[in-house]
Amino acid sequence: MTKDLIIACPTCKKSQRWKDCSDYRPFCSKRCQLIDLGEWANENHAIAGEPVMQFPDEDK
């Protein structure tokens, strides 16, 4: 018998069971998934590190 893994949604922090059949994991819903996508699109989230390439207009 395996125990269910309980995780917190990264967006709203609501507790939920981790299931392979969940379409939105690690999020609890489509809404939370889209909120997170919007944060990435607005560049509110970023992966730390050096930029891979510089664009010519960024030299100024």
N, C-alpha and C. Protein backbone atom coordinates (compact mmCIF):
# COMPACT_ATOMS: atom_id res chain seq x y z
N MET A 1 0.85 -1.17 0.00
CA MET A 1 0.00 0.00 0.00
C MET A 1 0.90 1.25 0.00
N THR A 2 0.67 2.17 -0.93
CA THR A 2 1.45 3.39 -0.99
C THR A 2 0.65 4.53 -0.39
N LYS A 3 1.37 5.42 0.25
CA LYS A 3 0.72 6.61 0.81
C LYS A 3 0.58 7.66 -0.28
N ASP A 4 -0.49 8.41 -0.21
CA ASP A 4 -0.69 9.50 -1.15
C ASP A 4 0.25 10.64 -0.79
N LEU A 5 0.82 11.25 -1.81
CA LEU A 5 1.69 12.40 -1.61
C LEU A 5 0.83 13.65 -1.63
N ILE A 6 0.90 14.43 -0.57
CA ILE A 6 0.14 15.68 -0.48
C ILE A 6 1.11 16.82 -0.75
N ILE A 7 0.77 17.67 -1.73
CA ILE A 7 1.61 18.81 -2.06
C ILE A 7 0.77 20.09 -1.99
N ALA A 8 1.45 21.22 -1.96
CA ALA A 8 0.77 22.51 -1.99
C ALA A 8 0.86 23.06 -3.41
N CYS A 9 -0.23 23.58 -3.91
CA CYS A 9 -0.24 24.21 -5.23
C CYS A 9 0.75 25.37 -5.20
N PRO A 10 1.65 25.47 -6.19
CA PRO A 10 2.64 26.55 -6.18
C PRO A 10 2.03 27.95 -6.26
N THR A 11 0.81 28.06 -6.76
CA THR A 11 0.19 29.37 -6.91
C THR A 11 -0.64 29.77 -5.70
N CYS A 12 -1.61 28.92 -5.33
CA CYS A 12 -2.53 29.30 -4.25
C CYS A 12 -2.22 28.63 -2.92
N LYS A 13 -1.28 27.68 -2.92
CA LYS A 13 -0.83 26.96 -1.72
C LYS A 13 -1.88 26.00 -1.15
N LYS A 14 -2.95 25.75 -1.88
CA LYS A 14 -3.98 24.79 -1.46
C LYS A 14 -3.40 23.38 -1.47
N SER A 15 -3.66 22.60 -0.43
CA SER A 15 -3.17 21.22 -0.36
C SER A 15 -3.95 20.34 -1.33
N GLN A 16 -3.24 19.42 -1.95
CA GLN A 16 -3.87 18.51 -2.90
C GLN A 16 -3.08 17.21 -2.98
N ARG A 17 -3.74 16.16 -3.45
CA ARG A 17 -3.07 14.88 -3.65
C ARG A 17 -2.35 14.89 -5.00
N TRP A 18 -1.12 14.39 -5.03
CA TRP A 18 -0.37 14.25 -6.26
C TRP A 18 -0.87 12.98 -6.96
N LYS A 19 -1.43 13.13 -8.15
CA LYS A 19 -1.96 12.00 -8.90
C LYS A 19 -1.41 12.05 -10.31
N ASP A 20 -1.11 10.88 -10.87
CA ASP A 20 -0.63 10.82 -12.24
C ASP A 20 -1.69 11.29 -13.23
N CYS A 21 -2.95 11.14 -12.87
CA CYS A 21 -4.03 11.49 -13.79
C CYS A 21 -4.41 12.97 -13.75
N SER A 22 -3.79 13.74 -12.86
CA SER A 22 -4.12 15.16 -12.76
C SER A 22 -3.56 15.93 -13.96
N ASP A 23 -4.44 16.60 -14.68
CA ASP A 23 -4.03 17.34 -15.87
C ASP A 23 -3.22 18.60 -15.55
N TYR A 24 -3.36 19.12 -14.36
CA TYR A 24 -2.76 20.42 -14.03
C TYR A 24 -1.60 20.34 -13.05
N ARG A 25 -1.16 19.14 -12.68
CA ARG A 25 -0.12 19.04 -11.66
C ARG A 25 1.13 19.77 -12.09
N PRO A 26 1.81 20.46 -11.25
CA PRO A 26 1.66 20.49 -9.80
C PRO A 26 0.61 21.50 -9.31
N PHE A 27 -0.14 22.09 -10.22
CA PHE A 27 -1.16 23.07 -9.85
C PHE A 27 -2.47 22.37 -9.52
N CYS A 28 -3.33 23.05 -8.78
CA CYS A 28 -4.61 22.44 -8.38
C CYS A 28 -5.67 22.63 -9.45
N SER A 29 -5.49 23.60 -10.34
CA SER A 29 -6.52 23.89 -11.33
C SER A 29 -5.92 24.58 -12.55
N LYS A 30 -6.71 24.66 -13.60
CA LYS A 30 -6.30 25.38 -14.81
C LYS A 30 -6.04 26.85 -14.49
N ARG A 31 -6.86 27.42 -13.61
CA ARG A 31 -6.71 28.83 -13.22
C ARG A 31 -5.33 29.08 -12.63
N CYS A 32 -4.91 28.25 -11.69
CA CYS A 32 -3.60 28.43 -11.06
C CYS A 32 -2.47 28.21 -12.08
N GLN A 33 -2.68 27.27 -12.99
CA GLN A 33 -1.69 27.01 -14.03
C GLN A 33 -1.53 28.26 -14.93
N LEU A 34 -2.64 28.89 -15.30
CA LEU A 34 -2.58 30.07 -16.15
C LEU A 34 -2.02 31.28 -15.42
N ILE A 35 -2.30 31.41 -14.14
CA ILE A 35 -1.71 32.50 -13.35
C ILE A 35 -0.20 32.38 -13.37
N ASP A 36 0.32 31.17 -13.17
CA ASP A 36 1.76 30.95 -13.18
C ASP A 36 2.34 31.24 -14.57
N LEU A 37 1.68 30.81 -15.61
CA LEU A 37 2.14 31.09 -16.97
C LEU A 37 2.22 32.59 -17.21
N GLY A 38 1.22 33.33 -16.74
CA GLY A 38 1.23 34.79 -16.86
C GLY A 38 2.39 35.43 -16.13
N GLU A 39 2.74 34.89 -14.97
CA GLU A 39 3.89 35.41 -14.22
C GLU A 39 5.19 35.24 -15.02
N TRP A 40 5.34 34.08 -15.67
CA TRP A 40 6.53 33.85 -16.51
C TRP A 40 6.50 34.79 -17.72
N ALA A 41 5.35 34.95 -18.34
CA ALA A 41 5.24 35.80 -19.53
C ALA A 41 5.53 37.26 -19.21
N ASN A 42 5.16 37.70 -18.02
CA ASN A 42 5.44 39.08 -17.59
C ASN A 42 6.84 39.24 -17.03
N GLU A 43 7.62 38.17 -17.07
CA GLU A 43 8.99 38.13 -16.56
C GLU A 43 9.08 38.42 -15.06
N ASN A 44 8.02 38.05 -14.32
CA ASN A 44 8.06 38.14 -12.87
C ASN A 44 8.79 36.95 -12.27
N HIS A 45 8.88 35.85 -13.03
CA HIS A 45 9.67 34.68 -12.65
C HIS A 45 10.83 34.57 -13.62
N ALA A 46 11.96 34.10 -13.13
CA ALA A 46 13.11 33.89 -14.01
C ALA A 46 14.00 32.83 -13.40
N ILE A 47 14.76 32.16 -14.24
CA ILE A 47 15.74 31.19 -13.79
C ILE A 47 17.06 31.92 -13.65
N ALA A 48 17.68 31.80 -12.50
CA ALA A 48 18.93 32.51 -12.23
C ALA A 48 20.04 32.04 -13.16
N GLY A 49 20.88 32.96 -13.55
CA GLY A 49 22.02 32.61 -14.38
C GLY A 49 22.37 33.75 -15.32
N GLU A 50 23.45 33.56 -16.03
CA GLU A 50 23.89 34.55 -17.00
C GLU A 50 23.02 34.44 -18.25
N PRO A 51 22.76 35.57 -18.92
CA PRO A 51 22.02 35.52 -20.18
C PRO A 51 22.78 34.69 -21.21
N VAL A 52 22.06 33.93 -21.99
CA VAL A 52 22.69 33.07 -22.99
C VAL A 52 23.19 33.90 -24.16
N MET A 53 22.41 34.89 -24.59
CA MET A 53 22.84 35.74 -25.69
C MET A 53 22.43 37.17 -25.44
N GLN A 54 23.21 38.08 -25.96
CA GLN A 54 22.91 39.50 -25.84
C GLN A 54 22.34 39.99 -27.17
N PHE A 55 21.35 40.82 -27.12
CA PHE A 55 20.80 41.44 -28.32
C PHE A 55 21.55 42.74 -28.57
N PRO A 56 21.73 43.11 -29.83
CA PRO A 56 22.53 44.31 -30.16
C PRO A 56 22.08 45.59 -29.46
N ASP A 57 20.78 45.80 -29.29
CA ASP A 57 20.30 47.03 -28.66
C ASP A 57 20.49 47.05 -27.15
N GLU A 58 20.93 45.96 -26.54
CA GLU A 58 21.16 45.91 -25.09
C GLU A 58 22.55 46.41 -24.72
N ASP A 59 23.42 46.65 -25.70
CA ASP A 59 24.79 47.12 -25.42
C ASP A 59 24.82 48.56 -24.92
N LYS A 60 23.81 49.33 -25.17
CA LYS A 60 23.80 50.76 -24.84
C LYS A 60 23.62 51.02 -23.38
